[in-house]
Amino acid sequence: MTDLESVQVADGFSVCVPRLKDALFSEIHFIYHEVFVERDYLKHGIRLSDSARIVDVGANVGMFSLFVTQECPGARILAFEPIPAIHQALLENLAGHGAKDVEVVRAALGRRPEERVRFTYYPGLPGNSTRYPEQKKLNKELIAERMGHEAVDRIMGGVEVEAEVRRLSDELRAWAPQGPIDLLKIDVEGAELEVMEGLDTSDWQRVRQCVIEVQDLDGRLDAVLGVLDAQGFTVTTESAVNIPEVLRASMVYATRERAE
C-alpha cells in the first residue's frame, strides 16, 4: 500500500498525496490554485449544471472531481487514473470529502484496449506521470536551468509501473449508454489524441463540452483542434496559466451551440 500524507491546500481543505521523502515542493498547491482559484475548467463558455455527467480523464488525486462535486453536488463523474500510487490517493480523497457519485477506474484511455502498458511515475512531480517519458525533455531542461542538474533527478526521477489501457466508448457503454456527456476533461500528459481516437463518432455526438490540456509537441495542438473541428465544436485556446511558456502548454475549450 502506498504511503500517503495529508496536505492542507486551503483553510479547512486538505487532500492526500503520495508521500515523498525530502520533497523539494508539492505540486498539489499549484493544482489547487489552477482548479479552485483560477477556475481554469470553467472558462470560455464551459458551463455545468447540477445534473451534469462528466468524464475526468487523468484524474490525478481528484482535485477536479472534488471541485465539480463542490460546484455541482448532483453531478455524476467517471474518473480514470492509471498510476497505482496516485489512484490510491484519489480514492482516499473522494472518500474523505464524501464524493459519492464518482466512479473510479484504475486505467488509462487510448485508441484500443491494451492489458499491460508501461507508464513512468514521477514521485517528485506526480502530475507529470506519463506513458511517454521521452516527451519530458523540455520539463527536465527547465528544471536544470532554474534549480540545477541535481534537482532534475530528484524531481523527474521516474519509476516504471504497469496499467491497463481501455477505450472510452467501451467504458461509456457501461456507465452511461445513452444521453449527453456534459463535459469531457482530458489531462493525460501526451496521450490526448489517443484518448480522443478511442471515442466512436456516435459517442462524440453526445459530448457537449471538452476541456483538454495539450503540450504542443510535434503538431499535437493542431491535431487536437482538427479532431474537435471535425466533430462540430466551437473551439477556444489559451496558454495554460502559470506554466512557463517554454513548455508550450495550452488549454483547449470546446463547446457546441446550445439550444435556447
C-alpha atoms as a PDB file:
ATOM      1  CA  MET A   1       0.000   0.000   0.000  1.00  0.00           C
ATOM      2  CA  THR A   2       1.286   3.445  -0.900  1.00  0.00           C
ATOM      3  CA  ASP A   3       2.265   5.750   1.936  1.00  0.00           C
ATOM      4  CA  LEU A   4       0.056   8.833   1.778  1.00  0.00           C
ATOM      5  CA  GLU A   5       0.239  12.156   3.543  1.00  0.00           C
ATOM      6  CA  SER A   6      -2.358  14.844   4.074  1.00  0.00           C
ATOM      7  CA  VAL A   7      -1.567  18.306   2.720  1.00  0.00           C
ATOM      8  CA  GLN A   8      -3.568  21.421   3.603  1.00  0.00           C
ATOM      9  CA  VAL A   9      -4.084  23.399   0.419  1.00  0.00           C
ATOM     10  CA  ALA A  10      -6.545  25.979   1.794  1.00  0.00           C
ATOM     11  CA  ASP A  11      -8.229  26.825   5.086  1.00  0.00           C
ATOM     12  CA  GLY A  12     -10.281  23.803   6.050  1.00  0.00           C
ATOM     13  CA  PHE A  13      -9.380  21.889   2.898  1.00  0.00           C
ATOM     14  CA  SER A  14      -6.784  19.106   2.843  1.00  0.00           C
ATOM     15  CA  VAL A  15      -6.072  16.308   0.384  1.00  0.00           C
ATOM     16  CA  CYS A  16      -3.990  13.133   0.405  1.00  0.00           C
ATOM     17  CA  VAL A  17      -0.991  12.803  -1.889  1.00  0.00           C
ATOM     18  CA  PRO A  18       1.696  10.098  -2.205  1.00  0.00           C
ATOM     19  CA  ARG A  19       4.372  10.762   0.399  1.00  0.00           C
ATOM     20  CA  LEU A  20       7.831  11.652  -0.878  1.00  0.00           C
ATOM     21  CA  LYS A  21      10.777  11.880   1.494  1.00  0.00           C
ATOM     22  CA  ASP A  22      12.725  15.130   1.212  1.00  0.00           C
ATOM     23  CA  ALA A  23      10.425  16.531  -1.467  1.00  0.00           C
ATOM     24  CA  LEU A  24      11.562  19.886  -2.851  1.00  0.00           C
ATOM     25  CA  PHE A  25       7.973  21.074  -3.076  1.00  0.00           C
ATOM     26  CA  SER A  26       4.465  19.752  -3.534  1.00  0.00           C
ATOM     27  CA  GLU A  27       2.722  20.359  -6.850  1.00  0.00           C
ATOM     28  CA  ILE A  28      -0.670  19.905  -5.203  1.00  0.00           C
ATOM     29  CA  HIS A  29      -0.775  23.588  -4.203  1.00  0.00           C
ATOM     30  CA  PHE A  30      -0.326  24.549  -7.853  1.00  0.00           C
ATOM     31  CA  ILE A  31      -3.120  22.178  -8.917  1.00  0.00           C
ATOM     32  CA  TYR A  32      -5.466  23.500  -6.226  1.00  0.00           C
ATOM     33  CA  HIS A  33      -4.841  27.075  -7.371  1.00  0.00           C
ATOM     34  CA  GLU A  34      -5.393  26.124 -11.016  1.00  0.00           C
ATOM     35  CA  VAL A  35      -8.676  24.319 -10.343  1.00  0.00           C
ATOM     36  CA  PHE A  36     -10.282  26.111  -7.396  1.00  0.00           C
ATOM     37  CA  VAL A  37      -8.854  29.642  -7.532  1.00  0.00           C
ATOM     38  CA  GLU A  38      -8.259  30.281 -11.253  1.00  0.00           C
ATOM     39  CA  ARG A  39     -11.238  28.016 -12.103  1.00  0.00           C
ATOM     40  CA  ASP A  40      -9.443  27.009 -15.277  1.00  0.00           C
ATOM     41  CA  TYR A  41     -12.052  24.419 -16.232  1.00  0.00           C
ATOM     42  CA  LEU A  42     -14.979  26.846 -16.271  1.00  0.00           C
ATOM     43  CA  LYS A  43     -13.774  29.379 -18.821  1.00  0.00           C
ATOM     44  CA  HIS A  44     -14.746  30.316 -22.377  1.00  0.00           C
ATOM     45  CA  GLY A  45     -18.357  29.222 -22.184  1.00  0.00           C
ATOM     46  CA  ILE A  46     -17.891  25.978 -20.255  1.00  0.00           C
ATOM     47  CA  ARG A  47     -20.921  25.550 -18.001  1.00  0.00           C
ATOM     48  CA  LEU A  48     -22.085  22.740 -15.742  1.00  0.00           C
ATOM     49  CA  SER A  49     -25.470  22.004 -14.233  1.00  0.00           C
ATOM     50  CA  ASP A  50     -26.257  20.123 -11.054  1.00  0.00           C
ATOM     51  CA  SER A  51     -27.261  17.081 -13.121  1.00  0.00           C
ATOM     52  CA  ALA A  52     -24.123  17.063 -15.288  1.00  0.00           C
ATOM     53  CA  ARG A  53     -22.392  13.878 -16.388  1.00  0.00           C
ATOM     54  CA  ILE A  54     -18.647  14.378 -16.573  1.00  0.00           C
ATOM     55  CA  VAL A  55     -15.720  12.226 -17.688  1.00  0.00           C
ATOM     56  CA  ASP A  56     -12.447  13.066 -15.914  1.00  0.00           C
ATOM     57  CA  VAL A  57      -9.574  11.509 -17.888  1.00  0.00           C
ATOM     58  CA  GLY A  58      -6.315  11.842 -15.982  1.00  0.00           C
ATOM     59  CA  ALA A  59      -7.989  12.414 -12.626  1.00  0.00           C
ATOM     60  CA  ASN A  60      -4.732  12.603 -10.649  1.00  0.00           C
ATOM     61  CA  VAL A  61      -5.528  12.773  -6.907  1.00  0.00           C
ATOM     62  CA  GLY A  62      -9.030  14.057  -7.636  1.00  0.00           C
ATOM     63  CA  MET A  63      -8.787  17.826  -7.436  1.00  0.00           C
ATOM     64  CA  PHE A  64     -11.017  18.430 -10.458  1.00  0.00           C
ATOM     65  CA  SER A  65     -13.556  15.819  -9.362  1.00  0.00           C
ATOM     66  CA  LEU A  66     -13.692  17.408  -5.894  1.00  0.00           C
ATOM     67  CA  PHE A  67     -14.179  20.823  -7.475  1.00  0.00           C
ATOM     68  CA  VAL A  68     -17.106  19.517  -9.523  1.00  0.00           C
ATOM     69  CA  THR A  69     -18.771  17.863  -6.540  1.00  0.00           C
ATOM     70  CA  GLN A  70     -18.486  21.177  -4.667  1.00  0.00           C
ATOM     71  CA  GLU A  71     -19.852  23.246  -7.562  1.00  0.00           C
ATOM     72  CA  CYS A  72     -22.477  20.735  -8.728  1.00  0.00           C
ATOM     73  CA  PRO A  73     -23.380  18.313  -5.901  1.00  0.00           C
ATOM     74  CA  GLY A  74     -25.750  16.350  -8.150  1.00  0.00           C
ATOM     75  CA  ALA A  75     -23.195  15.688 -10.892  1.00  0.00           C
ATOM     76  CA  ARG A  76     -22.056  12.183 -11.833  1.00  0.00           C
ATOM     77  CA  ILE A  77     -18.391  11.661 -12.679  1.00  0.00           C
ATOM     78  CA  LEU A  78     -16.470   8.842 -14.352  1.00  0.00           C
ATOM     79  CA  ALA A  79     -12.791   9.250 -13.413  1.00  0.00           C
ATOM     80  CA  PHE A  80      -9.743   7.493 -14.868  1.00  0.00           C
ATOM     81  CA  GLU A  81      -6.312   7.344 -13.225  1.00  0.00           C
ATOM     82  CA  PRO A  82      -3.773   4.643 -14.199  1.00  0.00           C
ATOM     83  CA  ILE A  83      -0.868   5.222 -11.766  1.00  0.00           C
ATOM     84  CA  PRO A  84      -1.286   2.996  -8.664  1.00  0.00           C
ATOM     85  CA  ALA A  85       0.023   5.454  -6.048  1.00  0.00           C
ATOM     86  CA  ILE A  86      -1.986   8.342  -7.464  1.00  0.00           C
ATOM     87  CA  HIS A  87      -5.078   6.148  -7.833  1.00  0.00           C
ATOM     88  CA  GLN A  88      -4.916   5.268  -4.140  1.00  0.00           C
ATOM     89  CA  ALA A  89      -4.710   8.953  -3.170  1.00  0.00           C
ATOM     90  CA  LEU A  90      -7.659   9.652  -5.490  1.00  0.00           C
ATOM     91  CA  LEU A  91      -9.804   7.060  -3.710  1.00  0.00           C
ATOM     92  CA  GLU A  92      -8.826   8.434  -0.291  1.00  0.00           C
ATOM     93  CA  ASN A  93      -9.682  11.990  -1.292  1.00  0.00           C
ATOM     94  CA  LEU A  94     -13.061  11.135  -2.750  1.00  0.00           C
ATOM     95  CA  ALA A  95     -13.986   9.120   0.340  1.00  0.00           C
ATOM     96  CA  GLY A  96     -12.618  11.750   2.726  1.00  0.00           C
ATOM     97  CA  HIS A  97     -14.622  14.525   1.095  1.00  0.00           C
ATOM     98  CA  GLY A  98     -17.812  12.499   0.727  1.00  0.00           C
ATOM     99  CA  ALA A  99     -17.804  12.464  -3.074  1.00  0.00           C
ATOM    100  CA  LYS A 100     -20.227   9.589  -3.627  1.00  0.00           C
ATOM    101  CA  ASP A 101     -21.214   9.951  -7.277  1.00  0.00           C
ATOM    102  CA  VAL A 102     -17.721   9.416  -8.684  1.00  0.00           C
ATOM    103  CA  GLU A 103     -16.919   6.086 -10.296  1.00  0.00           C
ATOM    104  CA  VAL A 104     -13.168   5.495 -10.417  1.00  0.00           C
ATOM    105  CA  VAL A 105     -11.365   3.265 -12.916  1.00  0.00           C
ATOM    106  CA  ARG A 106      -7.664   2.448 -12.497  1.00  0.00           C
ATOM    107  CA  ALA A 107      -6.827   2.558 -16.170  1.00  0.00           C
ATOM    108  CA  ALA A 108      -5.624   4.865 -18.889  1.00  0.00           C
ATOM    109  CA  LEU A 109      -7.579   5.542 -22.061  1.00  0.00           C
ATOM    110  CA  GLY A 110      -6.381   5.039 -25.613  1.00  0.00           C
ATOM    111  CA  ARG A 111      -7.349   4.214 -29.167  1.00  0.00           C
ATOM    112  CA  ARG A 112      -7.511   0.462 -28.428  1.00  0.00           C
ATOM    113  CA  PRO A 113      -7.541  -1.821 -25.359  1.00  0.00           C
ATOM    114  CA  GLU A 114      -4.133  -2.939 -24.057  1.00  0.00           C
ATOM    115  CA  GLU A 115      -3.608  -5.110 -20.983  1.00  0.00           C
ATOM    116  CA  ARG A 116      -0.146  -4.247 -19.661  1.00  0.00           C
ATOM    117  CA  VAL A 117       1.347  -0.926 -20.668  1.00  0.00           C
ATOM    118  CA  ARG A 118       4.407   0.724 -19.157  1.00  0.00           C
ATOM    119  CA  PHE A 119       3.968   4.164 -17.642  1.00  0.00           C
ATOM    120  CA  THR A 120       6.540   6.354 -15.920  1.00  0.00           C
ATOM    121  CA  TYR A 121       5.508   7.600 -12.484  1.00  0.00           C
ATOM    122  CA  TYR A 122       7.364  10.650 -11.161  1.00  0.00           C
ATOM    123  CA  PRO A 123       7.070  10.578  -7.346  1.00  0.00           C
ATOM    124  CA  GLY A 124       8.531  14.098  -7.182  1.00  0.00           C
ATOM    125  CA  LEU A 125       6.073  15.501  -9.708  1.00  0.00           C
ATOM    126  CA  PRO A 126       3.152  13.036  -9.941  1.00  0.00           C
ATOM    127  CA  GLY A 127       1.057  15.176 -12.265  1.00  0.00           C
ATOM    128  CA  ASN A 128       3.689  14.708 -14.998  1.00  0.00           C
ATOM    129  CA  SER A 129       3.465  10.904 -14.897  1.00  0.00           C
ATOM    130  CA  THR A 130       3.099   9.640 -18.447  1.00  0.00           C
ATOM    131  CA  ARG A 131       3.154   6.838 -20.963  1.00  0.00           C
ATOM    132  CA  TYR A 132       5.663   8.886 -22.960  1.00  0.00           C
ATOM    133  CA  PRO A 133       8.600   9.926 -20.740  1.00  0.00           C
ATOM    134  CA  GLU A 134      10.643  10.918 -23.811  1.00  0.00           C
ATOM    135  CA  GLN A 135       8.313  13.905 -24.131  1.00  0.00           C
ATOM    136  CA  LYS A 136       9.501  15.340 -20.801  1.00  0.00           C
ATOM    137  CA  LYS A 137      12.763  16.701 -22.226  1.00  0.00           C
ATOM    138  CA  LEU A 138      11.607  20.335 -22.042  1.00  0.00           C
ATOM    139  CA  ASN A 139      10.479  19.876 -18.426  1.00  0.00           C
ATOM    140  CA  LYS A 140      13.866  18.490 -17.437  1.00  0.00           C
ATOM    141  CA  GLU A 141      15.721  21.272 -19.237  1.00  0.00           C
ATOM    142  CA  LEU A 142      13.640  23.897 -17.441  1.00  0.00           C
ATOM    143  CA  ILE A 143      14.297  22.336 -14.023  1.00  0.00           C
ATOM    144  CA  ALA A 144      18.029  22.141 -14.740  1.00  0.00           C
ATOM    145  CA  GLU A 145      18.097  25.800 -15.797  1.00  0.00           C
ATOM    146  CA  ARG A 146      16.201  27.045 -12.749  1.00  0.00           C
ATOM    147  CA  MET A 147      17.297  24.647  -9.999  1.00  0.00           C
ATOM    148  CA  GLY A 148      20.423  22.861 -11.198  1.00  0.00           C
ATOM    149  CA  HIS A 149      21.061  19.433 -12.679  1.00  0.00           C
ATOM    150  CA  GLU A 150      20.885  17.639  -9.317  1.00  0.00           C
ATOM    151  CA  ALA A 151      17.279  18.744  -8.953  1.00  0.00           C
ATOM    152  CA  VAL A 152      16.342  17.002 -12.204  1.00  0.00           C
ATOM    153  CA  ASP A 153      16.923  13.551 -10.743  1.00  0.00           C
ATOM    154  CA  ARG A 154      15.060  14.405  -7.557  1.00  0.00           C
ATOM    155  CA  ILE A 155      12.035  15.888  -9.295  1.00  0.00           C
ATOM    156  CA  MET A 156      11.922  13.923 -12.550  1.00  0.00           C
ATOM    157  CA  GLY A 157      13.359  10.615 -11.373  1.00  0.00           C
ATOM    158  CA  GLY A 158      10.886   8.122 -12.814  1.00  0.00           C
ATOM    159  CA  VAL A 159       9.603   4.736 -11.666  1.00  0.00           C
ATOM    160  CA  GLU A 160       8.101   2.304 -14.166  1.00  0.00           C
ATOM    161  CA  VAL A 161       4.620   0.975 -13.413  1.00  0.00           C
ATOM    162  CA  GLU A 162       2.110  -1.004 -15.445  1.00  0.00           C
ATOM    163  CA  ALA A 163      -1.503  -0.151 -16.189  1.00  0.00           C
ATOM    164  CA  GLU A 164      -4.331  -1.242 -18.427  1.00  0.00           C
ATOM    165  CA  VAL A 165      -5.457   0.915 -21.341  1.00  0.00           C
ATOM    166  CA  ARG A 166      -9.148   0.973 -22.301  1.00  0.00           C
ATOM    167  CA  ARG A 167     -11.294   2.725 -24.937  1.00  0.00           C
ATOM    168  CA  LEU A 168     -13.584   5.493 -23.751  1.00  0.00           C
ATOM    169  CA  SER A 169     -16.530   4.349 -25.870  1.00  0.00           C
ATOM    170  CA  ASP A 170     -16.309   0.887 -24.301  1.00  0.00           C
ATOM    171  CA  GLU A 171     -16.394   2.433 -20.816  1.00  0.00           C
ATOM    172  CA  LEU A 172     -19.345   4.683 -21.655  1.00  0.00           C
ATOM    173  CA  ARG A 173     -21.473   1.693 -22.650  1.00  0.00           C
ATOM    174  CA  ALA A 174     -21.464   0.526 -19.040  1.00  0.00           C
ATOM    175  CA  TRP A 175     -21.533   3.908 -17.291  1.00  0.00           C
ATOM    176  CA  ALA A 176     -23.845   5.990 -19.485  1.00  0.00           C
ATOM    177  CA  PRO A 177     -25.018   4.109 -22.582  1.00  0.00           C
ATOM    178  CA  GLN A 178     -27.186   6.987 -23.790  1.00  0.00           C
ATOM    179  CA  GLY A 179     -27.837  10.659 -23.190  1.00  0.00           C
ATOM    180  CA  PRO A 180     -25.421  13.588 -23.148  1.00  0.00           C
ATOM    181  CA  ILE A 181     -21.921  13.719 -21.712  1.00  0.00           C
ATOM    182  CA  ASP A 182     -21.833  17.290 -20.449  1.00  0.00           C
ATOM    183  CA  LEU A 183     -18.050  17.600 -20.145  1.00  0.00           C
ATOM    184  CA  LEU A 184     -15.067  15.580 -21.292  1.00  0.00           C
ATOM    185  CA  LYS A 185     -11.964  16.723 -19.420  1.00  0.00           C
ATOM    186  CA  ILE A 186      -8.611  15.340 -20.621  1.00  0.00           C
ATOM    187  CA  ASP A 187      -5.236  15.878 -18.942  1.00  0.00           C
ATOM    188  CA  VAL A 188      -3.089  12.885 -19.852  1.00  0.00           C
ATOM    189  CA  GLU A 189       0.473  14.103 -20.455  1.00  0.00           C
ATOM    190  CA  GLY A 190       0.916  13.338 -24.128  1.00  0.00           C
ATOM    191  CA  ALA A 191      -1.865  10.832 -24.915  1.00  0.00           C
ATOM    192  CA  GLU A 192      -4.649  13.314 -25.693  1.00  0.00           C
ATOM    193  CA  LEU A 193      -5.156  12.235 -29.303  1.00  0.00           C
ATOM    194  CA  GLU A 194      -5.230   8.567 -28.340  1.00  0.00           C
ATOM    195  CA  VAL A 195      -7.994   9.226 -25.807  1.00  0.00           C
ATOM    196  CA  MET A 196      -9.954  11.093 -28.459  1.00  0.00           C
ATOM    197  CA  GLU A 197      -9.438   8.337 -31.027  1.00  0.00           C
ATOM    198  CA  GLY A 198     -10.998   5.868 -28.597  1.00  0.00           C
ATOM    199  CA  LEU A 199     -14.342   7.657 -28.832  1.00  0.00           C
ATOM    200  CA  ASP A 200     -16.720   6.475 -31.557  1.00  0.00           C
ATOM    201  CA  THR A 201     -18.444   9.047 -33.760  1.00  0.00           C
ATOM    202  CA  SER A 202     -21.816   8.275 -32.188  1.00  0.00           C
ATOM    203  CA  ASP A 203     -20.373   8.984 -28.738  1.00  0.00           C
ATOM    204  CA  TRP A 204     -18.667  12.173 -29.907  1.00  0.00           C
ATOM    205  CA  GLN A 205     -22.114  13.476 -30.801  1.00  0.00           C
ATOM    206  CA  ARG A 206     -23.142  13.000 -27.163  1.00  0.00           C
ATOM    207  CA  VAL A 207     -20.278  15.130 -25.836  1.00  0.00           C
ATOM    208  CA  ARG A 208     -21.399  18.715 -25.255  1.00  0.00           C
ATOM    209  CA  GLN A 209     -18.165  20.302 -23.996  1.00  0.00           C
ATOM    210  CA  CYS A 210     -14.467  19.478 -23.722  1.00  0.00           C
ATOM    211  CA  VAL A 211     -11.543  20.926 -21.797  1.00  0.00           C
ATOM    212  CA  ILE A 212      -8.197  19.477 -22.848  1.00  0.00           C
ATOM    213  CA  GLU A 213      -4.690  20.337 -21.678  1.00  0.00           C
ATOM    214  CA  VAL A 214      -2.206  19.940 -24.528  1.00  0.00           C
ATOM    215  CA  GLN A 215       1.567  20.277 -24.661  1.00  0.00           C
ATOM    216  CA  ASP A 216       2.159  21.364 -28.242  1.00  0.00           C
ATOM    217  CA  LEU A 217       4.901  18.997 -29.386  1.00  0.00           C
ATOM    218  CA  ASP A 218       5.112  17.694 -32.962  1.00  0.00           C
ATOM    219  CA  GLY A 219       1.966  19.494 -34.069  1.00  0.00           C
ATOM    220  CA  ARG A 220      -0.204  17.934 -31.382  1.00  0.00           C
ATOM    221  CA  LEU A 221      -2.259  21.066 -30.696  1.00  0.00           C
ATOM    222  CA  ASP A 222      -3.281  21.404 -34.350  1.00  0.00           C
ATOM    223  CA  ALA A 223      -4.172  17.714 -34.451  1.00  0.00           C
ATOM    224  CA  VAL A 224      -6.410  18.034 -31.382  1.00  0.00           C
ATOM    225  CA  LEU A 225      -8.082  21.113 -32.853  1.00  0.00           C
ATOM    226  CA  GLY A 226      -8.630  19.245 -36.109  1.00  0.00           C
ATOM    227  CA  VAL A 227     -10.491  16.430 -34.358  1.00  0.00           C
ATOM    228  CA  LEU A 228     -12.699  18.868 -32.467  1.00  0.00           C
ATOM    229  CA  ASP A 229     -13.459  20.877 -35.596  1.00  0.00           C
ATOM    230  CA  ALA A 230     -14.409  17.709 -37.468  1.00  0.00           C
ATOM    231  CA  GLN A 231     -16.815  16.833 -34.650  1.00  0.00           C
ATOM    232  CA  GLY A 232     -18.560  20.204 -34.885  1.00  0.00           C
ATOM    233  CA  PHE A 233     -17.211  22.032 -31.840  1.00  0.00           C
ATOM    234  CA  THR A 234     -16.506  25.725 -31.478  1.00  0.00           C
ATOM    235  CA  VAL A 235     -13.017  25.927 -30.006  1.00  0.00           C
ATOM    236  CA  THR A 236     -11.050  28.479 -27.962  1.00  0.00           C
ATOM    237  CA  THR A 237      -7.412  28.033 -26.938  1.00  0.00           C
ATOM    238  CA  GLU A 238      -5.199  29.888 -24.499  1.00  0.00           C
ATOM    239  CA  SER A 239      -1.793  29.367 -22.946  1.00  0.00           C
ATOM    240  CA  ALA A 240      -2.019  27.445 -19.690  1.00  0.00           C
ATOM    241  CA  VAL A 241      -1.980  29.832 -16.730  1.00  0.00           C
ATOM    242  CA  ASN A 242       1.175  29.887 -14.567  1.00  0.00           C
ATOM    243  CA  ILE A 243       3.021  27.320 -16.706  1.00  0.00           C
ATOM    244  CA  PRO A 244       6.271  28.570 -18.291  1.00  0.00           C
ATOM    245  CA  GLU A 245       5.834  29.412 -21.964  1.00  0.00           C
ATOM    246  CA  VAL A 246       8.775  27.207 -22.932  1.00  0.00           C
ATOM    247  CA  LEU A 247       6.704  24.120 -22.039  1.00  0.00           C
ATOM    248  CA  ARG A 248       4.160  25.012 -24.767  1.00  0.00           C
ATOM    249  CA  ALA A 249       1.146  24.095 -22.632  1.00  0.00           C
ATOM    250  CA  SER A 250      -2.271  25.140 -23.876  1.00  0.00           C
ATOM    251  CA  MET A 251      -5.805  24.800 -22.601  1.00  0.00           C
ATOM    252  CA  VAL A 252      -8.379  23.909 -25.237  1.00  0.00           C
ATOM    253  CA  TYR A 253     -12.053  24.716 -24.606  1.00  0.00           C
ATOM    254  CA  ALA A 254     -14.645  23.197 -26.945  1.00  0.00           C
ATOM    255  CA  THR A 255     -18.394  23.800 -26.891  1.00  0.00           C
ATOM    256  CA  ARG A 256     -21.419  23.073 -29.043  1.00  0.00           C
ATOM    257  CA  GLU A 257     -24.139  25.594 -29.801  1.00  0.00           C
ATOM    258  CA  ARG A 258     -26.834  25.340 -27.143  1.00  0.00           C
ATOM    259  CA  ALA A 259     -30.489  25.272 -27.963  1.00  0.00           C
ATOM    260  CA  GLU A 260     -32.205  28.145 -26.174  1.00  0.00           C
END
